[in-house]
Amino acid sequence: MIFHILYNYILVIKLDWGIHGTGISYFFSQLTVTLIVIVFSYYEKSIKETNFIPSFAILTSDLKPYLKIASLSTAVMCFDWWAWEIMILISGLLTKEE
């Protein structure tokens, strides 16, 4: 939160970047927090045992059931999105009541 406030102050107020500055400050805020968590998890000894870098064999060993579920849920999400988009387009055809 502190980083986000600092980045917003610099980019929006000092540099006068407006709405573009808020987007950029959000990006840098999330990047800063991510880097802090990565550095912290690398040097913290109590959680070092849980950190692992997966190999290609681990990633591909039992991936088929997960991909099946992921592809079906992605299709359902796309159909839901498209249904809303079609509904919005059709609502544009309604006449204006006065």
C-alpha atoms as a PDB file:
ATOM      1  CA  MET A   1       0.000   0.000   0.000  1.00  0.00           C
ATOM      2  CA  ILE A   2       2.827   2.377   0.830  1.00  0.00           C
ATOM      3  CA  PHE A   3       4.438   1.753  -2.546  1.00  0.00           C
ATOM      4  CA  HIS A   4       1.167   2.334  -4.362  1.00  0.00           C
ATOM      5  CA  ILE A   5       0.617   5.655  -2.621  1.00  0.00           C
ATOM      6  CA  LEU A   6       4.199   6.697  -3.340  1.00  0.00           C
ATOM      7  CA  TYR A   7       4.010   5.697  -7.005  1.00  0.00           C
ATOM      8  CA  ASN A   8       0.635   7.437  -7.412  1.00  0.00           C
ATOM      9  CA  TYR A   9       1.993  10.600  -5.831  1.00  0.00           C
ATOM     10  CA  ILE A  10       5.014  10.650  -8.114  1.00  0.00           C
ATOM     11  CA  LEU A  11       3.311   9.698 -11.372  1.00  0.00           C
ATOM     12  CA  VAL A  12      -0.080  11.380 -10.991  1.00  0.00           C
ATOM     13  CA  ILE A  13       0.695  14.523  -9.013  1.00  0.00           C
ATOM     14  CA  LYS A  14       4.367  15.301  -9.631  1.00  0.00           C
ATOM     15  CA  LEU A  15       4.637  14.159 -13.267  1.00  0.00           C
ATOM     16  CA  ASP A  16       0.974  14.992 -14.049  1.00  0.00           C
ATOM     17  CA  TRP A  17       0.351  11.780 -16.018  1.00  0.00           C
ATOM     18  CA  GLY A  18      -3.295  11.525 -14.943  1.00  0.00           C
ATOM     19  CA  ILE A  19      -5.120   8.240 -15.506  1.00  0.00           C
ATOM     20  CA  HIS A  20      -2.135   6.731 -17.310  1.00  0.00           C
ATOM     21  CA  GLY A  21      -0.037   7.377 -14.228  1.00  0.00           C
ATOM     22  CA  THR A  22      -2.469   5.411 -12.052  1.00  0.00           C
ATOM     23  CA  GLY A  23      -2.211   2.380 -14.315  1.00  0.00           C
ATOM     24  CA  ILE A  24       1.555   2.563 -14.413  1.00  0.00           C
ATOM     25  CA  SER A  25       1.742   3.077 -10.648  1.00  0.00           C
ATOM     26  CA  TYR A  26      -0.467   0.020 -10.105  1.00  0.00           C
ATOM     27  CA  PHE A  27       1.871  -2.034 -12.293  1.00  0.00           C
ATOM     28  CA  PHE A  28       4.965  -0.879 -10.425  1.00  0.00           C
ATOM     29  CA  SER A  29       3.244  -1.390  -7.072  1.00  0.00           C
ATOM     30  CA  GLN A  30       2.388  -5.011  -7.914  1.00  0.00           C
ATOM     31  CA  LEU A  31       5.875  -5.567  -9.341  1.00  0.00           C
ATOM     32  CA  THR A  32       7.480  -4.225  -6.168  1.00  0.00           C
ATOM     33  CA  VAL A  33       5.348  -6.419  -3.909  1.00  0.00           C
ATOM     34  CA  THR A  34       6.079  -9.472  -6.080  1.00  0.00           C
ATOM     35  CA  LEU A  35       9.821  -8.841  -5.948  1.00  0.00           C
ATOM     36  CA  ILE A  36       9.696  -8.362  -2.175  1.00  0.00           C
ATOM     37  CA  VAL A  37       7.852 -11.672  -1.743  1.00  0.00           C
ATOM     38  CA  ILE A  38      10.328 -13.476  -4.031  1.00  0.00           C
ATOM     39  CA  VAL A  39      13.341 -12.091  -2.182  1.00  0.00           C
ATOM     40  CA  PHE A  40      11.757 -12.789   1.202  1.00  0.00           C
ATOM     41  CA  SER A  41      10.864 -16.369   0.302  1.00  0.00           C
ATOM     42  CA  TYR A  42      14.361 -16.950  -1.070  1.00  0.00           C
ATOM     43  CA  TYR A  43      16.147 -15.827   2.099  1.00  0.00           C
ATOM     44  CA  GLU A  44      13.668 -16.993   4.751  1.00  0.00           C
ATOM     45  CA  LYS A  45      14.858 -20.325   6.111  1.00  0.00           C
ATOM     46  CA  SER A  46      11.532 -21.453   7.583  1.00  0.00           C
ATOM     47  CA  ILE A  47       9.816 -21.561   4.191  1.00  0.00           C
ATOM     48  CA  LYS A  48      12.809 -22.638   2.115  1.00  0.00           C
ATOM     49  CA  GLU A  49      11.688 -26.284   2.240  1.00  0.00           C
ATOM     50  CA  THR A  50       8.405 -25.490   0.523  1.00  0.00           C
ATOM     51  CA  ASN A  51      10.039 -23.670  -2.394  1.00  0.00           C
ATOM     52  CA  PHE A  52      10.725 -25.851  -5.391  1.00  0.00           C
ATOM     53  CA  ILE A  53      11.301 -25.332  -9.070  1.00  0.00           C
ATOM     54  CA  PRO A  54       9.217 -27.843 -11.018  1.00  0.00           C
ATOM     55  CA  SER A  55      10.878 -29.772 -13.784  1.00  0.00           C
ATOM     56  CA  PHE A  56       9.319 -30.532 -17.139  1.00  0.00           C
ATOM     57  CA  ALA A  57       8.687 -34.154 -16.124  1.00  0.00           C
ATOM     58  CA  ILE A  58       6.711 -33.093 -13.052  1.00  0.00           C
ATOM     59  CA  LEU A  59       4.652 -30.645 -15.087  1.00  0.00           C
ATOM     60  CA  THR A  60       3.729 -33.172 -17.778  1.00  0.00           C
ATOM     61  CA  SER A  61       3.258 -36.305 -15.667  1.00  0.00           C
ATOM     62  CA  ASP A  62      -0.348 -35.878 -14.542  1.00  0.00           C
ATOM     63  CA  LEU A  63      -1.327 -32.825 -16.515  1.00  0.00           C
ATOM     64  CA  LYS A  64      -3.994 -34.380 -18.750  1.00  0.00           C
ATOM     65  CA  PRO A  65      -6.872 -34.484 -16.184  1.00  0.00           C
ATOM     66  CA  TYR A  66      -6.189 -30.883 -15.151  1.00  0.00           C
ATOM     67  CA  LEU A  67      -6.123 -29.690 -18.754  1.00  0.00           C
ATOM     68  CA  LYS A  68      -9.426 -31.463 -19.395  1.00  0.00           C
ATOM     69  CA  ILE A  69     -11.072 -29.675 -16.467  1.00  0.00           C
ATOM     70  CA  ALA A  70      -9.406 -26.361 -17.358  1.00  0.00           C
ATOM     71  CA  SER A  71     -10.498 -26.500 -20.994  1.00  0.00           C
ATOM     72  CA  LEU A  72     -14.107 -27.248 -20.066  1.00  0.00           C
ATOM     73  CA  SER A  73     -14.262 -24.478 -17.466  1.00  0.00           C
ATOM     74  CA  THR A  74     -12.664 -22.055 -19.935  1.00  0.00           C
ATOM     75  CA  ALA A  75     -15.270 -22.958 -22.544  1.00  0.00           C
ATOM     76  CA  VAL A  76     -18.096 -22.385 -20.046  1.00  0.00           C
ATOM     77  CA  MET A  77     -16.620 -19.017 -19.078  1.00  0.00           C
ATOM     78  CA  CYS A  78     -16.309 -17.995 -22.741  1.00  0.00           C
ATOM     79  CA  PHE A  79     -19.905 -19.012 -23.483  1.00  0.00           C
ATOM     80  CA  ASP A  80     -21.091 -17.025 -20.474  1.00  0.00           C
ATOM     81  CA  TRP A  81     -19.117 -13.979 -21.631  1.00  0.00           C
ATOM     82  CA  TRP A  82     -20.401 -14.305 -25.178  1.00  0.00           C
ATOM     83  CA  ALA A  83     -23.984 -14.617 -23.932  1.00  0.00           C
ATOM     84  CA  TRP A  84     -23.619 -11.292 -22.100  1.00  0.00           C
ATOM     85  CA  GLU A  85     -22.041  -9.680 -25.149  1.00  0.00           C
ATOM     86  CA  ILE A  86     -24.856 -10.894 -27.407  1.00  0.00           C
ATOM     87  CA  MET A  87     -27.435  -9.669 -24.888  1.00  0.00           C
ATOM     88  CA  ILE A  88     -25.798  -6.221 -24.860  1.00  0.00           C
ATOM     89  CA  LEU A  89     -25.768  -6.080 -28.665  1.00  0.00           C
ATOM     90  CA  ILE A  90     -29.419  -7.131 -28.869  1.00  0.00           C
ATOM     91  CA  SER A  91     -30.411  -4.583 -26.231  1.00  0.00           C
ATOM     92  CA  GLY A  92     -29.107  -1.898 -28.573  1.00  0.00           C
ATOM     93  CA  LEU A  93     -31.899  -2.805 -30.986  1.00  0.00           C
ATOM     94  CA  LEU A  94     -34.610  -1.878 -28.483  1.00  0.00           C
ATOM     95  CA  THR A  95     -36.570   1.246 -29.219  1.00  0.00           C
ATOM     96  CA  LYS A  96     -36.298   4.280 -27.010  1.00  0.00           C
ATOM     97  CA  GLU A  97     -39.435   4.919 -24.959  1.00  0.00           C
ATOM     98  CA  GLU A  98     -40.378   8.537 -24.312  1.00  0.00           C
END
